[in-house]
PDB file of all heavy atoms in Angstrom:
ATOM      1  N   ILE A   1       0.872  -1.224  -0.087  1.00  0.00           N
ATOM      2  CA  ILE A   1       0.009  -0.025  -0.056  1.00  0.00           C
ATOM      3  C   ILE A   1       0.870   1.236   0.075  1.00  0.00           C
ATOM      4  O   ILE A   1       2.076   1.246   0.195  1.00  0.00           O
ATOM      5  CB  ILE A   1      -0.967  -0.013   1.212  1.00  0.00           C
ATOM      6  CG1 ILE A   1      -0.158   0.011   2.524  1.00  0.00           C
ATOM      7  CG2 ILE A   1      -1.933  -1.156   1.193  1.00  0.00           C
ATOM      8  CD1 ILE A   1      -0.890   0.149   3.771  1.00  0.00           C
ATOM      9  N   ALA A   2       0.244   2.364  -0.257  1.00  0.00           N
ATOM     10  CA  ALA A   2       1.012   3.669  -0.263  1.00  0.00           C
ATOM     11  C   ALA A   2       1.587   3.845   1.103  1.00  0.00           C
ATOM     12  O   ALA A   2       1.123   3.514   2.250  1.00  0.00           O
ATOM     13  CB  ALA A   2       0.030   4.802  -0.570  1.00  0.00           C
ATOM     14  N   THR A   3       2.810   4.525   1.140  1.00  0.00           N
ATOM     15  CA  THR A   3       3.544   4.743   2.470  1.00  0.00           C
ATOM     16  C   THR A   3       4.348   6.094   2.239  1.00  0.00           C
ATOM     17  O   THR A   3       4.628   6.600   1.219  1.00  0.00           O
ATOM     18  CB  THR A   3       4.609   3.539   2.614  1.00  0.00           C
ATOM     19  OG1 THR A   3       5.237   3.856   3.735  1.00  0.00           O
ATOM     20  CG2 THR A   3       5.555   3.470   1.586  1.00  0.00           C
ATOM     21  N   THR A   4       4.772   6.626   3.398  1.00  0.00           N
ATOM     22  CA  THR A   4       5.568   7.778   3.536  1.00  0.00           C
ATOM     23  C   THR A   4       6.969   7.316   4.041  1.00  0.00           C
ATOM     24  O   THR A   4       7.815   8.208   4.244  1.00  0.00           O
ATOM     25  CB  THR A   4       5.050   8.769   4.389  1.00  0.00           C
ATOM     26  OG1 THR A   4       4.821   8.243   5.691  1.00  0.00           O
ATOM     27  CG2 THR A   4       3.795   9.414   3.908  1.00  0.00           C
ATOM     28  N   TRP A   5       7.236   6.012   4.165  1.00  0.00           N
ATOM     29  CA  TRP A   5       8.423   5.502   4.587  1.00  0.00           C
ATOM     30  C   TRP A   5       9.465   5.861   3.568  1.00  0.00           C
ATOM     31  O   TRP A   5       9.298   6.006   2.407  1.00  0.00           O
ATOM     32  CB  TRP A   5       8.439   3.984   4.753  1.00  0.00           C
ATOM     33  CG  TRP A   5       7.622   3.524   5.939  1.00  0.00           C
ATOM     34  CD1 TRP A   5       6.742   4.190   6.777  1.00  0.00           C
ATOM     35  CD2 TRP A   5       7.762   2.202   6.586  1.00  0.00           C
ATOM     36  NE1 TRP A   5       6.312   3.567   7.778  1.00  0.00           N
ATOM     37  CE2 TRP A   5       6.833   2.183   7.754  1.00  0.00           C
ATOM     38  CE3 TRP A   5       8.418   1.081   6.288  1.00  0.00           C
ATOM     39  CZ2 TRP A   5       6.719   1.145   8.532  1.00  0.00           C
ATOM     40  CZ3 TRP A   5       8.283  -0.063   7.071  1.00  0.00           C
ATOM     41  CH2 TRP A   5       7.426  -0.015   8.208  1.00  0.00           C
ATOM     42  N   VAL A   6      10.803   5.838   4.015  1.00  0.00           N
ATOM     43  CA  VAL A   6      11.998   6.112   3.259  1.00  0.00           C
ATOM     44  C   VAL A   6      12.114   4.935   2.118  1.00  0.00           C
ATOM     45  O   VAL A   6      12.747   5.140   1.056  1.00  0.00           O
ATOM     46  CB  VAL A   6      13.214   6.285   4.058  1.00  0.00           C
ATOM     47  CG1 VAL A   6      13.683   4.966   4.548  1.00  0.00           C
ATOM     48  CG2 VAL A   6      14.305   6.857   3.085  1.00  0.00           C
ATOM     49  N   THR A   7      11.543   3.841   2.478  1.00  0.00           N
ATOM     50  CA  THR A   7      11.621   2.697   1.503  1.00  0.00           C
ATOM     51  C   THR A   7      10.704   2.689   0.443  1.00  0.00           C
ATOM     52  O   THR A   7      10.703   1.825  -0.595  1.00  0.00           O
ATOM     53  CB  THR A   7      11.367   1.371   2.304  1.00  0.00           C
ATOM     54  OG1 THR A   7      10.104   1.383   2.916  1.00  0.00           O
ATOM     55  CG2 THR A   7      12.517   1.135   3.405  1.00  0.00           C
ATOM     56  N   GLY A   8       9.748   3.704   0.315  1.00  0.00           N
ATOM     57  CA  GLY A   8       8.630   3.743  -0.673  1.00  0.00           C
ATOM     58  C   GLY A   8       9.297   3.816  -1.972  1.00  0.00           C
ATOM     59  O   GLY A   8      10.202   4.399  -2.323  1.00  0.00           O
ATOM     60  N   VAL A   9       8.562   3.074  -2.931  1.00  0.00           N
ATOM     61  CA  VAL A   9       8.978   2.913  -4.272  1.00  0.00           C
ATOM     62  C   VAL A   9       7.826   3.338  -5.266  1.00  0.00           C
ATOM     63  O   VAL A   9       6.729   2.973  -5.003  1.00  0.00           O
ATOM     64  CB  VAL A   9       9.541   1.548  -4.675  1.00  0.00           C
ATOM     65  CG1 VAL A   9       9.813   1.435  -6.177  1.00  0.00           C
ATOM     66  CG2 VAL A   9      10.687   1.155  -3.881  1.00  0.00           C
ATOM     67  N   ASP A  10       8.003   4.239  -6.281  1.00  0.00           N
ATOM     68  CA  ASP A  10       7.091   4.570  -7.207  1.00  0.00           C
ATOM     69  C   ASP A  10       7.192   3.564  -8.361  1.00  0.00           C
ATOM     70  O   ASP A  10       8.140   3.499  -9.084  1.00  0.00           O
ATOM     71  CB  ASP A  10       7.345   5.944  -7.803  1.00  0.00           C
ATOM     72  CG  ASP A  10       6.297   6.409  -8.792  1.00  0.00           C
ATOM     73  OD1 ASP A  10       5.351   5.643  -9.161  1.00  0.00           O
ATOM     74  OD2 ASP A  10       6.551   7.528  -9.265  1.00  0.00           O
ATOM     75  N   PHE A  11       6.171   2.703  -8.436  1.00  0.00           N
ATOM     76  CA  PHE A  11       6.153   1.701  -9.524  1.00  0.00           C
ATOM     77  C   PHE A  11       5.596   2.244 -10.792  1.00  0.00           C
ATOM     78  O   PHE A  11       5.418   1.382 -11.732  1.00  0.00           O
ATOM     79  CB  PHE A  11       5.412   0.423  -9.024  1.00  0.00           C
ATOM     80  CG  PHE A  11       6.124  -0.359  -7.944  1.00  0.00           C
ATOM     81  CD1 PHE A  11       5.673  -0.183  -6.671  1.00  0.00           C
ATOM     82  CD2 PHE A  11       7.101  -1.162  -8.345  1.00  0.00           C
ATOM     83  CE1 PHE A  11       6.337  -0.937  -5.667  1.00  0.00           C
ATOM     84  CE2 PHE A  11       7.763  -1.943  -7.287  1.00  0.00           C
ATOM     85  CZ  PHE A  11       7.406  -1.854  -5.977  1.00  0.00           C
ATOM     86  N   GLY A  12       5.394   3.382 -10.976  1.00  0.00           N
ATOM     87  CA  GLY A  12       4.902   4.042 -12.224  1.00  0.00           C
ATOM     88  C   GLY A  12       3.754   4.800 -12.229  1.00  0.00           C
ATOM     89  O   GLY A  12       3.399   5.452 -13.313  1.00  0.00           O
ATOM     90  N   ASP A  13       2.992   4.764 -11.055  1.00  0.00           N
ATOM     91  CA  ASP A  13       1.692   5.493 -11.070  1.00  0.00           C
ATOM     92  C   ASP A  13       1.788   6.757 -10.275  1.00  0.00           C
ATOM     93  O   ASP A  13       0.783   7.361  -9.927  1.00  0.00           O
ATOM     94  CB  ASP A  13       0.626   4.632 -10.674  1.00  0.00           C
ATOM     95  CG  ASP A  13       0.762   4.063  -9.079  1.00  0.00           C
ATOM     96  OD1 ASP A  13       1.954   4.334  -8.660  1.00  0.00           O
ATOM     97  OD2 ASP A  13      -0.114   3.465  -8.608  1.00  0.00           O
ATOM     98  N   GLY A  14       3.000   7.184  -9.782  1.00  0.00           N
ATOM     99  CA  GLY A  14       3.254   8.366  -8.998  1.00  0.00           C
ATOM    100  C   GLY A  14       3.039   8.194  -7.567  1.00  0.00           C
ATOM    101  O   GLY A  14       3.008   9.213  -6.779  1.00  0.00           O
ATOM    102  N   ILE A  15       2.660   7.023  -7.104  1.00  0.00           N
ATOM    103  CA  ILE A  15       2.393   6.775  -5.692  1.00  0.00           C
ATOM    104  C   ILE A  15       3.588   5.902  -5.047  1.00  0.00           C
ATOM    105  O   ILE A  15       3.967   4.944  -5.639  1.00  0.00           O
ATOM    106  CB  ILE A  15       1.101   5.958  -5.529  1.00  0.00           C
ATOM    107  CG1 ILE A  15      -0.023   6.805  -6.081  1.00  0.00           C
ATOM    108  CG2 ILE A  15       0.864   5.710  -4.025  1.00  0.00           C
ATOM    109  CD1 ILE A  15      -1.440   5.955  -6.131  1.00  0.00           C
ATOM    110  N   LEU A  16       4.084   6.456  -3.935  1.00  0.00           N
ATOM    111  CA  LEU A  16       5.206   5.728  -3.241  1.00  0.00           C
ATOM    112  C   LEU A  16       4.447   4.592  -2.420  1.00  0.00           C
ATOM    113  O   LEU A  16       3.550   4.768  -1.642  1.00  0.00           O
ATOM    114  CB  LEU A  16       6.008   6.572  -2.355  1.00  0.00           C
ATOM    115  CG  LEU A  16       6.824   7.576  -3.016  1.00  0.00           C
ATOM    116  CD1 LEU A  16       7.387   8.517  -1.940  1.00  0.00           C
ATOM    117  CD2 LEU A  16       7.909   7.082  -3.937  1.00  0.00           C
ATOM    118  N   ARG A  17       4.920   3.318  -2.636  1.00  0.00           N
ATOM    119  CA  ARG A  17       4.423   2.176  -2.099  1.00  0.00           C
ATOM    120  C   ARG A  17       5.450   1.372  -1.416  1.00  0.00           C
ATOM    121  O   ARG A  17       6.659   1.399  -1.739  1.00  0.00           O
ATOM    122  CB  ARG A  17       3.696   1.368  -3.203  1.00  0.00           C
ATOM    123  CG  ARG A  17       2.638   1.932  -4.024  1.00  0.00           C
ATOM    124  CD  ARG A  17       2.112   1.110  -5.028  1.00  0.00           C
ATOM    125  NE  ARG A  17       1.159   1.666  -5.959  1.00  0.00           N
ATOM    126  CZ  ARG A  17      -0.184   1.798  -5.748  1.00  0.00           C
ATOM    127  NH1 ARG A  17      -0.635   1.292  -4.683  1.00  0.00           N
ATOM    128  NH2 ARG A  17      -0.942   2.448  -6.539  1.00  0.00           N
ATOM    129  N   HIS A  18       4.977   0.493  -0.433  1.00  0.00           N
ATOM    130  CA  HIS A  18       5.906  -0.423   0.215  1.00  0.00           C
ATOM    131  C   HIS A  18       6.373  -1.508  -0.774  1.00  0.00           C
ATOM    132  O   HIS A  18       5.588  -2.127  -1.447  1.00  0.00           O
ATOM    133  CB  HIS A  18       5.091  -1.240   1.278  1.00  0.00           C
ATOM    134  CG  HIS A  18       4.961  -0.278   2.632  1.00  0.00           C
ATOM    135  ND1 HIS A  18       5.916   0.014   3.438  1.00  0.00           N
ATOM    136  CD2 HIS A  18       3.775   0.043   3.095  1.00  0.00           C
ATOM    137  CE1 HIS A  18       5.522   0.693   4.505  1.00  0.00           C
ATOM    138  NE2 HIS A  18       4.083   0.701   4.334  1.00  0.00           N
ATOM    139  N   PRO A  19       7.632  -1.573  -0.970  1.00  0.00           N
ATOM    140  CA  PRO A  19       8.194  -2.598  -1.790  1.00  0.00           C
ATOM    141  C   PRO A  19       8.230  -3.947  -1.043  1.00  0.00           C
ATOM    142  O   PRO A  19       9.241  -4.454  -0.640  1.00  0.00           O
ATOM    143  CB  PRO A  19       9.619  -2.177  -2.156  1.00  0.00           C
ATOM    144  CG  PRO A  19      10.004  -1.357  -0.973  1.00  0.00           C
ATOM    145  CD  PRO A  19       8.753  -0.769  -0.352  1.00  0.00           C
ATOM    146  N   THR A  20       7.073  -4.491  -0.930  1.00  0.00           N
ATOM    147  CA  THR A  20       6.986  -5.806  -0.102  1.00  0.00           C
ATOM    148  C   THR A  20       7.845  -6.953  -0.727  1.00  0.00           C
ATOM    149  O   THR A  20       8.206  -7.853   0.043  1.00  0.00           O
ATOM    150  CB  THR A  20       5.460  -6.218   0.045  1.00  0.00           C
ATOM    151  OG1 THR A  20       4.838  -6.260  -1.288  1.00  0.00           O
ATOM    152  CG2 THR A  20       4.654  -5.169   0.918  1.00  0.00           C
ATOM    153  N   GLN A  21       8.038  -6.881  -1.906  1.00  0.00           N
ATOM    154  CA  GLN A  21       8.858  -7.929  -2.620  1.00  0.00           C
ATOM    155  C   GLN A  21      10.293  -7.836  -1.971  1.00  0.00           C
ATOM    156  O   GLN A  21      10.981  -8.877  -1.716  1.00  0.00           O
ATOM    157  CB  GLN A  21       8.973  -7.768  -4.015  1.00  0.00           C
ATOM    158  CG  GLN A  21       7.715  -7.517  -4.840  1.00  0.00           C
ATOM    159  CD  GLN A  21       7.441  -6.044  -4.981  1.00  0.00           C
ATOM    160  OE1 GLN A  21       7.672  -5.246  -4.264  1.00  0.00           O
ATOM    161  NE2 GLN A  21       6.637  -5.701  -6.062  1.00  0.00           N
ATOM    162  N   LEU A  22      10.828  -6.675  -1.793  1.00  0.00           N
ATOM    163  CA  LEU A  22      12.132  -6.421  -1.253  1.00  0.00           C
ATOM    164  C   LEU A  22      12.194  -6.789   0.297  1.00  0.00           C
ATOM    165  O   LEU A  22      13.144  -7.320   0.818  1.00  0.00           O
ATOM    166  CB  LEU A  22      12.647  -5.081  -1.481  1.00  0.00           C
ATOM    167  CG  LEU A  22      12.895  -4.465  -2.958  1.00  0.00           C
ATOM    168  CD1 LEU A  22      13.368  -3.130  -2.932  1.00  0.00           C
ATOM    169  CD2 LEU A  22      13.519  -5.516  -3.762  1.00  0.00           C
ATOM    170  N   TYR A  23      11.083  -6.449   0.999  1.00  0.00           N
ATOM    171  CA  TYR A  23      10.880  -6.824   2.380  1.00  0.00           C
ATOM    172  C   TYR A  23      11.100  -8.349   2.433  1.00  0.00           C
ATOM    173  O   TYR A  23      11.760  -8.864   3.394  1.00  0.00           O
ATOM    174  CB  TYR A  23       9.628  -6.311   2.934  1.00  0.00           C
ATOM    175  CG  TYR A  23       9.354  -4.831   3.026  1.00  0.00           C
ATOM    176  CD1 TYR A  23       8.065  -4.391   3.288  1.00  0.00           C
ATOM    177  CD2 TYR A  23      10.416  -3.990   2.849  1.00  0.00           C
ATOM    178  CE1 TYR A  23       7.816  -3.013   3.216  1.00  0.00           C
ATOM    179  CE2 TYR A  23      10.108  -2.505   2.945  1.00  0.00           C
ATOM    180  CZ  TYR A  23       8.836  -2.083   3.156  1.00  0.00           C
ATOM    181  OH  TYR A  23       8.595  -0.772   3.177  1.00  0.00           O
ATOM    182  N   GLU A  24      10.469  -8.997   1.559  1.00  0.00           N
ATOM    183  CA  GLU A  24      10.369 -10.523   1.696  1.00  0.00           C
ATOM    184  C   GLU A  24      11.840 -11.061   1.382  1.00  0.00           C
ATOM    185  O   GLU A  24      12.279 -11.940   2.106  1.00  0.00           O
ATOM    186  CB  GLU A  24       9.488 -11.137   0.634  1.00  0.00           C
ATOM    187  CG  GLU A  24       9.297 -12.580   0.776  1.00  0.00           C
ATOM    188  CD  GLU A  24       8.032 -13.168   0.176  1.00  0.00           C
ATOM    189  OE1 GLU A  24       7.068 -12.295  -0.094  1.00  0.00           O
ATOM    190  OE2 GLU A  24       8.095 -14.235  -0.373  1.00  0.00           O
ATOM    191  N   ILE A  25      12.538 -10.504   0.499  1.00  0.00           N
ATOM    192  CA  ILE A  25      13.880 -10.907   0.194  1.00  0.00           C
ATOM    193  C   ILE A  25      14.739 -10.681   1.473  1.00  0.00           C
ATOM    194  O   ILE A  25      15.565 -11.528   1.803  1.00  0.00           O
ATOM    195  CB  ILE A  25      14.530 -10.174  -1.032  1.00  0.00           C
ATOM    196  CG1 ILE A  25      13.731 -10.586  -2.291  1.00  0.00           C
ATOM    197  CG2 ILE A  25      15.929 -10.456  -1.072  1.00  0.00           C
ATOM    198  CD1 ILE A  25      14.143  -9.746  -3.457  1.00  0.00           C
ATOM    199  N   ALA A  26      14.670  -9.530   2.094  1.00  0.00           N
ATOM    200  CA  ALA A  26      15.461  -9.228   3.316  1.00  0.00           C
ATOM    201  C   ALA A  26      15.126 -10.160   4.321  1.00  0.00           C
ATOM    202  O   ALA A  26      15.989 -10.682   5.142  1.00  0.00           O
ATOM    203  CB  ALA A  26      15.105  -7.874   3.789  1.00  0.00           C
ATOM    204  N   PHE A  27      13.773 -10.556   4.462  1.00  0.00           N
ATOM    205  CA  PHE A  27      13.400 -11.513   5.523  1.00  0.00           C
ATOM    206  C   PHE A  27      14.027 -12.906   5.302  1.00  0.00           C
ATOM    207  O   PHE A  27      14.366 -13.501   6.166  1.00  0.00           O
ATOM    208  CB  PHE A  27      11.835 -11.576   5.612  1.00  0.00           C
ATOM    209  CG  PHE A  27      11.397 -12.786   6.429  1.00  0.00           C
ATOM    210  CD1 PHE A  27      11.348 -12.676   7.771  1.00  0.00           C
ATOM    211  CD2 PHE A  27      10.994 -13.941   5.826  1.00  0.00           C
ATOM    212  CE1 PHE A  27      11.074 -13.767   8.520  1.00  0.00           C
ATOM    213  CE2 PHE A  27      10.598 -15.027   6.539  1.00  0.00           C
ATOM    214  CZ  PHE A  27      10.457 -14.935   7.917  1.00  0.00           C
ATOM    215  N   LEU A  28      14.081 -13.370   4.009  1.00  0.00           N
ATOM    216  CA  LEU A  28      14.533 -14.650   3.617  1.00  0.00           C
ATOM    217  C   LEU A  28      15.992 -14.705   4.018  1.00  0.00           C
ATOM    218  O   LEU A  28      16.493 -15.681   4.421  1.00  0.00           O
ATOM    219  CB  LEU A  28      14.250 -14.880   2.224  1.00  0.00           C
ATOM    220  CG  LEU A  28      12.753 -15.196   1.856  1.00  0.00           C
ATOM    221  CD1 LEU A  28      12.627 -15.264   0.373  1.00  0.00           C
ATOM    222  CD2 LEU A  28      12.352 -16.445   2.421  1.00  0.00           C
ATOM    223  N   VAL A  29      16.736 -13.659   3.734  1.00  0.00           N
ATOM    224  CA  VAL A  29      18.131 -13.581   4.010  1.00  0.00           C
ATOM    225  C   VAL A  29      18.365 -13.754   5.601  1.00  0.00           C
ATOM    226  O   VAL A  29      19.249 -14.540   6.072  1.00  0.00           O
ATOM    227  CB  VAL A  29      18.799 -12.244   3.584  1.00  0.00           C
ATOM    228  CG1 VAL A  29      20.315 -12.184   4.223  1.00  0.00           C
ATOM    229  CG2 VAL A  29      18.865 -12.162   2.096  1.00  0.00           C
ATOM    230  N   VAL A  30      17.535 -13.037   6.456  1.00  0.00           N
ATOM    231  CA  VAL A  30      17.656 -13.244   7.812  1.00  0.00           C
ATOM    232  C   VAL A  30      17.247 -14.575   8.351  1.00  0.00           C
ATOM    233  O   VAL A  30      17.896 -15.266   9.107  1.00  0.00           O
ATOM    234  CB  VAL A  30      16.729 -12.123   8.533  1.00  0.00           C
ATOM    235  CG1 VAL A  30      16.729 -12.400  10.079  1.00  0.00           C
ATOM    236  CG2 VAL A  30      17.275 -10.754   8.261  1.00  0.00           C
ATOM    237  N   LEU A  31      16.247 -15.124   7.674  1.00  0.00           N
ATOM    238  CA  LEU A  31      15.735 -16.440   8.113  1.00  0.00           C
ATOM    239  C   LEU A  31      16.887 -17.554   7.651  1.00  0.00           C
ATOM    240  O   LEU A  31      17.082 -18.464   8.469  1.00  0.00           O
ATOM    241  CB  LEU A  31      14.503 -16.767   7.302  1.00  0.00           C
ATOM    242  CG  LEU A  31      13.805 -18.179   7.541  1.00  0.00           C
ATOM    243  CD1 LEU A  31      13.419 -18.360   9.058  1.00  0.00           C
ATOM    244  CD2 LEU A  31      12.557 -18.344   6.732  1.00  0.00           C
ATOM    245  N   ALA A  32      17.481 -17.382   6.549  1.00  0.00           N
ATOM    246  CA  ALA A  32      18.544 -18.285   6.155  1.00  0.00           C
ATOM    247  C   ALA A  32      19.560 -18.220   7.108  1.00  0.00           C
ATOM    248  O   ALA A  32      20.298 -19.354   7.497  1.00  0.00           O
ATOM    249  CB  ALA A  32      19.018 -17.874   4.816  1.00  0.00           C
ATOM    250  N   ILE A  33      20.096 -17.125   7.706  1.00  0.00           N
ATOM    251  CA  ILE A  33      21.073 -17.013   8.571  1.00  0.00           C
ATOM    252  C   ILE A  33      20.624 -17.646  10.038  1.00  0.00           C
ATOM    253  O   ILE A  33      21.520 -18.388  10.657  1.00  0.00           O
ATOM    254  CB  ILE A  33      21.373 -15.545   8.902  1.00  0.00           C
ATOM    255  CG1 ILE A  33      22.066 -14.914   7.626  1.00  0.00           C
ATOM    256  CG2 ILE A  33      22.478 -15.474  10.010  1.00  0.00           C
ATOM    257  CD1 ILE A  33      22.335 -13.477   7.747  1.00  0.00           C
ATOM    258  N   LEU A  34      19.462 -17.456  10.432  1.00  0.00           N
ATOM    259  CA  LEU A  34      18.938 -18.047  11.691  1.00  0.00           C
ATOM    260  C   LEU A  34      18.929 -19.479  11.591  1.00  0.00           C
ATOM    261  O   LEU A  34      18.962 -20.229  12.631  1.00  0.00           O
ATOM    262  CB  LEU A  34      17.561 -17.466  11.943  1.00  0.00           C
ATOM    263  CG  LEU A  34      17.552 -15.855  12.333  1.00  0.00           C
ATOM    264  CD1 LEU A  34      15.959 -15.550  12.563  1.00  0.00           C
ATOM    265  CD2 LEU A  34      18.297 -15.631  13.667  1.00  0.00           C
ATOM    266  N   LEU A  35      18.638 -20.140  10.364  1.00  0.00           N
ATOM    267  CA  LEU A  35      18.616 -21.489  10.263  1.00  0.00           C
ATOM    268  C   LEU A  35      19.836 -22.247  10.131  1.00  0.00           C
ATOM    269  O   LEU A  35      19.888 -23.486  10.060  1.00  0.00           O
ATOM    270  CB  LEU A  35      17.686 -21.883   8.997  1.00  0.00           C
ATOM    271  CG  LEU A  35      16.175 -21.548   9.183  1.00  0.00           C
ATOM    272  CD1 LEU A  35      15.431 -21.798   7.919  1.00  0.00           C
ATOM    273  CD2 LEU A  35      15.503 -22.348  10.385  1.00  0.00           C
ATOM    274  N   ILE A  36      20.994 -21.516  10.083  1.00  0.00           N
ATOM    275  CA  ILE A  36      22.214 -22.243   9.918  1.00  0.00           C
ATOM    276  C   ILE A  36      22.511 -23.209  11.036  1.00  0.00           C
ATOM    277  O   ILE A  36      23.029 -24.313  10.762  1.00  0.00           O
ATOM    278  CB  ILE A  36      23.360 -21.053   9.904  1.00  0.00           C
ATOM    279  CG1 ILE A  36      23.296 -20.410   8.445  1.00  0.00           C
ATOM    280  CG2 ILE A  36      24.786 -21.807  10.025  1.00  0.00           C
ATOM    281  CD1 ILE A  36      24.371 -19.227   8.441  1.00  0.00           C
ATOM    282  N   PRO A  37      22.364 -22.925  12.332  1.00  0.00           N
ATOM    283  CA  PRO A  37      22.499 -23.948  13.415  1.00  0.00           C
ATOM    284  C   PRO A  37      21.775 -25.222  13.129  1.00  0.00           C
ATOM    285  O   PRO A  37      22.290 -26.265  13.367  1.00  0.00           O
ATOM    286  CB  PRO A  37      22.070 -23.298  14.720  1.00  0.00           C
ATOM    287  CG  PRO A  37      22.340 -21.768  14.375  1.00  0.00           C
ATOM    288  CD  PRO A  37      21.905 -21.597  13.034  1.00  0.00           C
ATOM    289  N   LEU A  38      20.542 -25.126  12.728  1.00  0.00           N
ATOM    290  CA  LEU A  38      19.696 -26.307  12.467  1.00  0.00           C
ATOM    291  C   LEU A  38      20.251 -27.003  11.142  1.00  0.00           C
ATOM    292  O   LEU A  38      20.233 -28.256  11.145  1.00  0.00           O
ATOM    293  CB  LEU A  38      18.284 -25.859  12.278  1.00  0.00           C
ATOM    294  CG  LEU A  38      17.522 -25.489  13.495  1.00  0.00           C
ATOM    295  CD1 LEU A  38      16.075 -25.075  13.249  1.00  0.00           C
ATOM    296  CD2 LEU A  38      17.501 -26.592  14.587  1.00  0.00           C
TER     297      LEU A  38
END
């Protein structure tokens, strides 16, 4: 959805939106690190 966060991205309609795709990639990196002991 639209956001005023610094992470906001304009995907072409002039509205800054949460780049949830990038949030997910960042989460997966963290999850991969946390799972190393297992």
